[in-house]
Amino acid sequence: MIKLKPLTKEDLPFLLEVRNNESTRKYLENDSVFDLQQCNKWFDDTQPKWYIILNKEEQKVGYLRTNGDDVGCDIHIEHRRKGYARLAYSEYLKDKDYATLWVFEDNFAINLYESLGFKPQEEYKMVRGRKYIYMIYKK
């Protein structure tokens, strides 16, 4: 059981703790490290429709990134391998007919995406010498 809570400015230090972790950045197209000032500016400039993932104890365990039809999820290193990403994607997709995402071919999460109904497309790009695959979800 999880809850998706809209991201607020108060959540940005947690977001950075997750996002700036090397094990998270390895699987992001933009693997830069950001500071709180940059993150605040990004938040003010873009007003993102992102969500904090809360577990049943209302503890922050990760966040869900959304931008139009694109979706992505990053889980705090202390909460990985507990099913939170699957629950977050399932909750987000329940009201969606269509979604897209990008994933590195060497990311084990590709199995999760396929089990949720995402299909790899022929479209890809090379990022830091690794194949970055485009996937589409259609109900």
N, C-alpha and C. Protein backbone atom coordinates (compact mmCIF):
# COMPACT_ATOMS: atom_id res chain seq x y z
N MET A 1 0.84 -1.18 0.00
CA MET A 1 0.00 0.00 0.00
C MET A 1 0.88 1.24 0.00
N ILE A 2 0.61 2.15 -0.94
CA ILE A 2 1.33 3.41 -1.02
C ILE A 2 0.34 4.54 -1.29
N LYS A 3 0.85 5.74 -1.15
CA LYS A 3 0.06 6.93 -1.46
C LYS A 3 0.94 7.84 -2.29
N LEU A 4 0.37 8.46 -3.33
CA LEU A 4 1.09 9.45 -4.12
C LEU A 4 0.64 10.83 -3.68
N LYS A 5 1.57 11.62 -3.15
CA LYS A 5 1.29 12.96 -2.66
C LYS A 5 1.99 13.95 -3.58
N PRO A 6 1.28 14.99 -4.05
CA PRO A 6 1.95 15.97 -4.92
C PRO A 6 3.23 16.52 -4.27
N LEU A 7 4.28 16.63 -5.07
CA LEU A 7 5.56 17.16 -4.63
C LEU A 7 5.42 18.63 -4.24
N THR A 8 5.97 19.00 -3.09
CA THR A 8 6.00 20.39 -2.65
C THR A 8 7.45 20.81 -2.44
N LYS A 9 7.65 22.10 -2.25
CA LYS A 9 9.01 22.61 -2.01
C LYS A 9 9.63 21.97 -0.78
N GLU A 10 8.81 21.66 0.21
CA GLU A 10 9.32 21.04 1.44
C GLU A 10 9.90 19.65 1.18
N ASP A 11 9.52 19.03 0.07
CA ASP A 11 10.00 17.69 -0.28
C ASP A 11 11.33 17.72 -1.04
N LEU A 12 11.79 18.89 -1.44
CA LEU A 12 12.97 18.95 -2.30
C LEU A 12 14.24 18.40 -1.66
N PRO A 13 14.51 18.62 -0.36
CA PRO A 13 15.71 17.99 0.21
C PRO A 13 15.66 16.45 0.11
N PHE A 14 14.48 15.86 0.32
CA PHE A 14 14.35 14.40 0.17
C PHE A 14 14.56 14.00 -1.29
N LEU A 15 13.96 14.74 -2.21
CA LEU A 15 14.12 14.44 -3.63
C LEU A 15 15.61 14.43 -4.00
N LEU A 16 16.34 15.43 -3.55
CA LEU A 16 17.77 15.50 -3.85
C LEU A 16 18.55 14.36 -3.21
N GLU A 17 18.16 13.96 -2.01
CA GLU A 17 18.83 12.83 -1.35
C GLU A 17 18.71 11.57 -2.21
N VAL A 18 17.55 11.36 -2.78
CA VAL A 18 17.34 10.19 -3.65
C VAL A 18 18.04 10.39 -4.99
N ARG A 19 17.76 11.53 -5.63
CA ARG A 19 18.22 11.79 -6.99
C ARG A 19 19.74 11.88 -7.09
N ASN A 20 20.39 12.50 -6.10
CA ASN A 20 21.83 12.70 -6.17
C ASN A 20 22.64 11.47 -5.79
N ASN A 21 21.98 10.43 -5.30
CA ASN A 21 22.69 9.20 -4.97
C ASN A 21 23.25 8.59 -6.26
N GLU A 22 24.50 8.19 -6.22
CA GLU A 22 25.14 7.65 -7.42
C GLU A 22 24.37 6.47 -8.02
N SER A 23 23.78 5.63 -7.17
CA SER A 23 23.06 4.46 -7.67
C SER A 23 21.75 4.86 -8.38
N THR A 24 21.23 6.04 -8.10
CA THR A 24 20.07 6.57 -8.83
C THR A 24 20.54 7.21 -10.13
N ARG A 25 21.53 8.09 -10.02
CA ARG A 25 22.00 8.85 -11.19
C ARG A 25 22.50 7.96 -12.31
N LYS A 26 23.02 6.81 -11.97
CA LYS A 26 23.52 5.87 -12.98
C LYS A 26 22.44 5.52 -14.00
N TYR A 27 21.18 5.55 -13.58
CA TYR A 27 20.08 5.15 -14.45
C TYR A 27 19.25 6.32 -14.96
N LEU A 28 19.75 7.55 -14.79
CA LEU A 28 19.06 8.74 -15.30
C LEU A 28 19.79 9.27 -16.53
N GLU A 29 19.03 9.77 -17.48
CA GLU A 29 19.66 10.35 -18.67
C GLU A 29 20.59 11.49 -18.28
N ASN A 30 20.12 12.39 -17.43
CA ASN A 30 20.95 13.47 -16.91
C ASN A 30 21.46 13.03 -15.54
N ASP A 31 22.73 12.69 -15.48
CA ASP A 31 23.31 12.15 -14.24
C ASP A 31 24.01 13.22 -13.40
N SER A 32 23.69 14.49 -13.64
CA SER A 32 24.29 15.58 -12.87
C SER A 32 23.83 15.56 -11.41
N VAL A 33 24.66 16.11 -10.55
CA VAL A 33 24.30 16.33 -9.15
C VAL A 33 23.78 17.76 -9.04
N PHE A 34 22.66 17.95 -8.35
CA PHE A 34 22.07 19.27 -8.17
C PHE A 34 22.07 19.65 -6.70
N ASP A 35 22.15 20.97 -6.44
CA ASP A 35 22.07 21.44 -5.06
C ASP A 35 20.66 22.00 -4.81
N LEU A 36 20.39 22.34 -3.57
CA LEU A 36 19.04 22.77 -3.20
C LEU A 36 18.65 24.08 -3.90
N GLN A 37 19.59 24.98 -4.08
CA GLN A 37 19.29 26.24 -4.76
C GLN A 37 18.85 25.96 -6.20
N GLN A 38 19.58 25.09 -6.90
CA GLN A 38 19.21 24.73 -8.28
C GLN A 38 17.85 24.03 -8.30
N CYS A 39 17.62 23.18 -7.32
CA CYS A 39 16.36 22.43 -7.26
C CYS A 39 15.18 23.37 -7.00
N ASN A 40 15.36 24.34 -6.11
CA ASN A 40 14.31 25.33 -5.85
C ASN A 40 13.99 26.13 -7.11
N LYS A 41 15.01 26.53 -7.85
CA LYS A 41 14.80 27.28 -9.09
C LYS A 41 14.05 26.41 -10.10
N TRP A 42 14.47 25.14 -10.25
CA TRP A 42 13.77 24.21 -11.14
C TRP A 42 12.30 24.10 -10.74
N PHE A 43 12.04 23.95 -9.46
CA PHE A 43 10.66 23.81 -8.97
C PHE A 43 9.84 25.06 -9.30
N ASP A 44 10.40 26.24 -9.02
CA ASP A 44 9.70 27.50 -9.29
C ASP A 44 9.46 27.71 -10.79
N ASP A 45 10.46 27.37 -11.60
CA ASP A 45 10.37 27.59 -13.05
C ASP A 45 9.42 26.62 -13.75
N THR A 46 9.38 25.38 -13.28
CA THR A 46 8.64 24.35 -14.02
C THR A 46 7.32 23.93 -13.37
N GLN A 47 7.15 24.20 -12.07
CA GLN A 47 5.94 23.76 -11.35
C GLN A 47 5.63 22.29 -11.72
N PRO A 48 6.54 21.38 -11.43
CA PRO A 48 6.38 19.99 -11.87
C PRO A 48 5.18 19.28 -11.24
N LYS A 49 4.60 18.39 -12.00
CA LYS A 49 3.49 17.55 -11.52
C LYS A 49 4.09 16.20 -11.11
N TRP A 50 4.96 16.24 -10.12
CA TRP A 50 5.61 15.05 -9.61
C TRP A 50 4.95 14.65 -8.30
N TYR A 51 5.24 13.44 -7.84
CA TYR A 51 4.61 12.93 -6.63
C TYR A 51 5.65 12.31 -5.70
N ILE A 52 5.45 12.51 -4.41
CA ILE A 52 6.23 11.80 -3.39
C ILE A 52 5.49 10.49 -3.12
N ILE A 53 6.23 9.41 -3.02
CA ILE A 53 5.65 8.09 -2.73
C ILE A 53 5.76 7.88 -1.22
N LEU A 54 4.62 7.68 -0.59
CA LEU A 54 4.56 7.43 0.85
C LEU A 54 4.16 5.98 1.08
N ASN A 55 4.83 5.30 2.00
CA ASN A 55 4.43 3.93 2.33
C ASN A 55 3.26 3.97 3.32
N LYS A 56 2.81 2.80 3.77
CA LYS A 56 1.63 2.74 4.64
C LYS A 56 1.86 3.45 5.97
N GLU A 57 3.12 3.63 6.37
CA GLU A 57 3.44 4.38 7.58
C GLU A 57 3.57 5.88 7.31
N GLU A 58 3.23 6.30 6.07
CA GLU A 58 3.33 7.71 5.64
C GLU A 58 4.78 8.19 5.57
N GLN A 59 5.71 7.26 5.41
CA GLN A 59 7.13 7.57 5.29
C GLN A 59 7.46 7.77 3.81
N LYS A 60 8.27 8.79 3.51
CA LYS A 60 8.70 9.03 2.14
C LYS A 60 9.66 7.92 1.72
N VAL A 61 9.35 7.26 0.60
CA VAL A 61 10.21 6.17 0.12
C VAL A 61 10.77 6.44 -1.28
N GLY A 62 10.23 7.44 -1.96
CA GLY A 62 10.71 7.76 -3.30
C GLY A 62 9.84 8.82 -3.93
N TYR A 63 10.00 8.99 -5.24
CA TYR A 63 9.17 9.96 -5.96
C TYR A 63 8.87 9.46 -7.36
N LEU A 64 7.78 9.96 -7.91
CA LEU A 64 7.34 9.63 -9.26
C LEU A 64 7.47 10.89 -10.09
N ARG A 65 8.22 10.79 -11.20
CA ARG A 65 8.43 11.92 -12.11
C ARG A 65 7.40 11.84 -13.24
N THR A 66 6.72 12.95 -13.52
CA THR A 66 5.79 12.97 -14.64
C THR A 66 6.02 14.24 -15.45
N ASN A 67 5.87 14.10 -16.75
CA ASN A 67 6.02 15.23 -17.66
C ASN A 67 5.24 14.88 -18.92
N GLY A 68 4.02 15.37 -19.00
CA GLY A 68 3.18 14.97 -20.11
C GLY A 68 2.88 13.48 -19.97
N ASP A 69 3.18 12.71 -21.00
CA ASP A 69 2.96 11.26 -20.95
C ASP A 69 4.14 10.50 -20.36
N ASP A 70 5.30 11.18 -20.22
CA ASP A 70 6.50 10.53 -19.69
C ASP A 70 6.38 10.34 -18.19
N VAL A 71 6.84 9.19 -17.73
CA VAL A 71 6.80 8.88 -16.31
C VAL A 71 8.11 8.19 -15.92
N GLY A 72 8.50 8.36 -14.68
CA GLY A 72 9.68 7.70 -14.15
C GLY A 72 9.56 7.65 -12.64
N CYS A 73 10.35 6.81 -12.02
CA CYS A 73 10.24 6.62 -10.58
C CYS A 73 11.63 6.37 -10.01
N ASP A 74 11.91 7.01 -8.90
CA ASP A 74 13.17 6.78 -8.20
C ASP A 74 12.86 6.49 -6.73
N ILE A 75 13.43 5.41 -6.23
CA ILE A 75 13.19 4.96 -4.86
C ILE A 75 14.45 5.18 -4.03
N HIS A 76 14.27 5.65 -2.80
CA HIS A 76 15.39 5.85 -1.88
C HIS A 76 16.13 4.52 -1.69
N ILE A 77 17.43 4.59 -1.62
CA ILE A 77 18.26 3.39 -1.54
C ILE A 77 17.87 2.47 -0.37
N GLU A 78 17.38 3.05 0.73
CA GLU A 78 16.99 2.23 1.89
C GLU A 78 15.65 1.53 1.71
N HIS A 79 14.93 1.87 0.65
CA HIS A 79 13.59 1.30 0.45
C HIS A 79 13.45 0.53 -0.86
N ARG A 80 14.55 0.25 -1.52
CA ARG A 80 14.50 -0.48 -2.80
C ARG A 80 14.22 -1.97 -2.55
N ARG A 81 13.73 -2.61 -3.61
CA ARG A 81 13.45 -4.06 -3.61
C ARG A 81 12.34 -4.44 -2.64
N LYS A 82 11.40 -3.50 -2.41
CA LYS A 82 10.27 -3.77 -1.52
C LYS A 82 8.94 -3.61 -2.24
N GLY A 83 8.99 -3.39 -3.56
CA GLY A 83 7.77 -3.29 -4.35
C GLY A 83 7.18 -1.90 -4.47
N TYR A 84 7.86 -0.89 -3.93
CA TYR A 84 7.29 0.46 -3.96
C TYR A 84 7.19 1.02 -5.37
N ALA A 85 8.17 0.77 -6.22
CA ALA A 85 8.11 1.27 -7.60
C ALA A 85 6.92 0.65 -8.33
N ARG A 86 6.74 -0.66 -8.20
CA ARG A 86 5.60 -1.34 -8.84
C ARG A 86 4.28 -0.73 -8.36
N LEU A 87 4.16 -0.53 -7.05
CA LEU A 87 2.93 0.03 -6.50
C LEU A 87 2.70 1.46 -7.00
N ALA A 88 3.77 2.26 -7.06
CA ALA A 88 3.65 3.65 -7.52
C ALA A 88 3.24 3.71 -8.99
N TYR A 89 3.90 2.92 -9.83
CA TYR A 89 3.52 2.90 -11.25
C TYR A 89 2.08 2.40 -11.41
N SER A 90 1.71 1.36 -10.70
CA SER A 90 0.34 0.82 -10.80
C SER A 90 -0.69 1.86 -10.40
N GLU A 91 -0.41 2.57 -9.32
CA GLU A 91 -1.33 3.63 -8.86
C GLU A 91 -1.43 4.74 -9.91
N TYR A 92 -0.31 5.15 -10.45
CA TYR A 92 -0.29 6.22 -11.44
C TYR A 92 -0.98 5.79 -12.74
N LEU A 93 -0.74 4.57 -13.17
CA LEU A 93 -1.26 4.11 -14.47
C LEU A 93 -2.73 3.71 -14.43
N LYS A 94 -3.31 3.55 -13.25
CA LYS A 94 -4.69 3.05 -13.18
C LYS A 94 -5.69 3.95 -13.91
N ASP A 95 -5.40 5.23 -14.00
CA ASP A 95 -6.29 6.17 -14.69
C ASP A 95 -5.73 6.63 -16.03
N LYS A 96 -4.70 5.97 -16.51
CA LYS A 96 -4.04 6.37 -17.76
C LYS A 96 -4.29 5.33 -18.85
N ASP A 97 -4.46 5.81 -20.07
CA ASP A 97 -4.57 4.92 -21.22
C ASP A 97 -3.24 4.82 -21.95
N TYR A 98 -2.33 5.77 -21.66
CA TYR A 98 -1.10 5.86 -22.42
C TYR A 98 -0.02 6.48 -21.54
N ALA A 99 1.18 5.95 -21.61
CA ALA A 99 2.33 6.53 -20.91
C ALA A 99 3.60 6.08 -21.62
N THR A 100 4.66 6.82 -21.41
CA THR A 100 5.95 6.48 -22.02
C THR A 100 7.05 6.60 -20.96
N LEU A 101 8.16 5.96 -21.24
CA LEU A 101 9.34 6.13 -20.39
C LEU A 101 10.58 5.74 -21.18
N TRP A 102 11.71 6.12 -20.63
CA TRP A 102 13.02 5.76 -21.17
C TRP A 102 13.75 4.94 -20.11
N VAL A 103 14.48 3.92 -20.55
CA VAL A 103 15.20 3.07 -19.61
C VAL A 103 16.48 2.55 -20.27
N PHE A 104 17.55 2.51 -19.50
CA PHE A 104 18.79 1.91 -20.01
C PHE A 104 18.59 0.40 -20.15
N GLU A 105 19.13 -0.17 -21.22
CA GLU A 105 18.94 -1.60 -21.47
C GLU A 105 19.55 -2.47 -20.37
N ASP A 106 20.50 -1.93 -19.60
CA ASP A 106 21.13 -2.72 -18.53
C ASP A 106 20.48 -2.47 -17.16
N ASN A 107 19.33 -1.79 -17.14
CA ASN A 107 18.62 -1.53 -15.89
C ASN A 107 17.64 -2.67 -15.63
N PHE A 108 17.80 -3.35 -14.51
CA PHE A 108 16.92 -4.49 -14.21
C PHE A 108 15.45 -4.07 -14.12
N ALA A 109 15.18 -2.77 -13.95
CA ALA A 109 13.80 -2.27 -13.87
C ALA A 109 13.04 -2.49 -15.18
N ILE A 110 13.75 -2.75 -16.26
CA ILE A 110 13.07 -3.01 -17.54
C ILE A 110 12.10 -4.18 -17.41
N ASN A 111 12.43 -5.14 -16.57
CA ASN A 111 11.52 -6.28 -16.33
C ASN A 111 10.23 -5.82 -15.65
N LEU A 112 10.34 -4.90 -14.71
CA LEU A 112 9.18 -4.32 -14.06
C LEU A 112 8.30 -3.62 -15.09
N TYR A 113 8.91 -2.80 -15.92
CA TYR A 113 8.14 -2.04 -16.91
C TYR A 113 7.39 -2.97 -17.87
N GLU A 114 8.06 -4.01 -18.33
CA GLU A 114 7.40 -4.97 -19.23
C GLU A 114 6.25 -5.67 -18.51
N SER A 115 6.42 -6.00 -17.23
CA SER A 115 5.35 -6.67 -16.48
C SER A 115 4.15 -5.75 -16.25
N LEU A 116 4.38 -4.43 -16.28
CA LEU A 116 3.31 -3.46 -16.14
C LEU A 116 2.60 -3.16 -17.47
N GLY A 117 3.17 -3.67 -18.56
CA GLY A 117 2.55 -3.47 -19.87
C GLY A 117 3.29 -2.53 -20.80
N PHE A 118 4.44 -2.01 -20.38
CA PHE A 118 5.25 -1.17 -21.26
C PHE A 118 5.91 -2.06 -22.31
N LYS A 119 5.93 -1.59 -23.55
CA LYS A 119 6.54 -2.34 -24.65
C LYS A 119 7.74 -1.56 -25.20
N PRO A 120 8.89 -2.23 -25.32
CA PRO A 120 10.06 -1.57 -25.90
C PRO A 120 9.79 -1.21 -27.36
N GLN A 121 10.25 -0.04 -27.77
CA GLN A 121 10.11 0.42 -29.15
C GLN A 121 11.46 0.32 -29.84
N GLU A 122 11.45 0.48 -31.14
CA GLU A 122 12.72 0.46 -31.87
C GLU A 122 13.54 1.70 -31.59
N GLU A 123 12.87 2.78 -31.16
CA GLU A 123 13.56 4.04 -30.89
C GLU A 123 14.45 3.92 -29.65
N TYR A 124 15.66 4.39 -29.80
CA TYR A 124 16.59 4.44 -28.67
C TYR A 124 17.62 5.52 -28.95
N LYS A 125 18.38 5.87 -27.93
CA LYS A 125 19.51 6.78 -28.10
C LYS A 125 20.66 6.26 -27.26
N MET A 126 21.85 6.65 -27.63
CA MET A 126 23.03 6.26 -26.86
C MET A 126 23.34 7.37 -25.86
N VAL A 127 23.45 7.00 -24.59
CA VAL A 127 23.74 7.95 -23.52
C VAL A 127 24.91 7.37 -22.71
N ARG A 128 26.00 8.13 -22.64
CA ARG A 128 27.20 7.67 -21.93
C ARG A 128 27.62 6.26 -22.35
N GLY A 129 27.51 6.00 -23.66
CA GLY A 129 27.93 4.71 -24.21
C GLY A 129 26.98 3.56 -23.94
N ARG A 130 25.77 3.86 -23.46
CA ARG A 130 24.79 2.81 -23.15
C ARG A 130 23.50 3.07 -23.92
N LYS A 131 22.82 2.00 -24.30
CA LYS A 131 21.58 2.10 -25.06
C LYS A 131 20.43 2.50 -24.13
N TYR A 132 19.74 3.58 -24.49
CA TYR A 132 18.63 4.14 -23.72
C TYR A 132 17.37 3.91 -24.55
N ILE A 133 16.50 3.03 -24.07
CA ILE A 133 15.37 2.51 -24.84
C ILE A 133 14.07 3.24 -24.49
N TYR A 134 13.29 3.51 -25.52
CA TYR A 134 11.97 4.14 -25.38
C TYR A 134 10.92 3.05 -25.23
N MET A 135 10.03 3.20 -24.24
CA MET A 135 8.98 2.21 -24.01
C MET A 135 7.62 2.91 -23.94
N ILE A 136 6.58 2.21 -24.42
CA ILE A 136 5.23 2.77 -24.46
C ILE A 136 4.26 1.83 -23.72
N TYR A 137 3.37 2.44 -22.96
CA TYR A 137 2.29 1.73 -22.27
C TYR A 137 0.97 2.17 -22.91
N LYS A 138 0.17 1.18 -23.34
CA LYS A 138 -1.17 1.45 -23.87
C LYS A 138 -2.12 0.47 -23.22
N LYS A 139 -3.24 1.00 -22.69
CA LYS A 139 -4.25 0.12 -22.08
C LYS A 139 -4.96 -0.67 -23.13
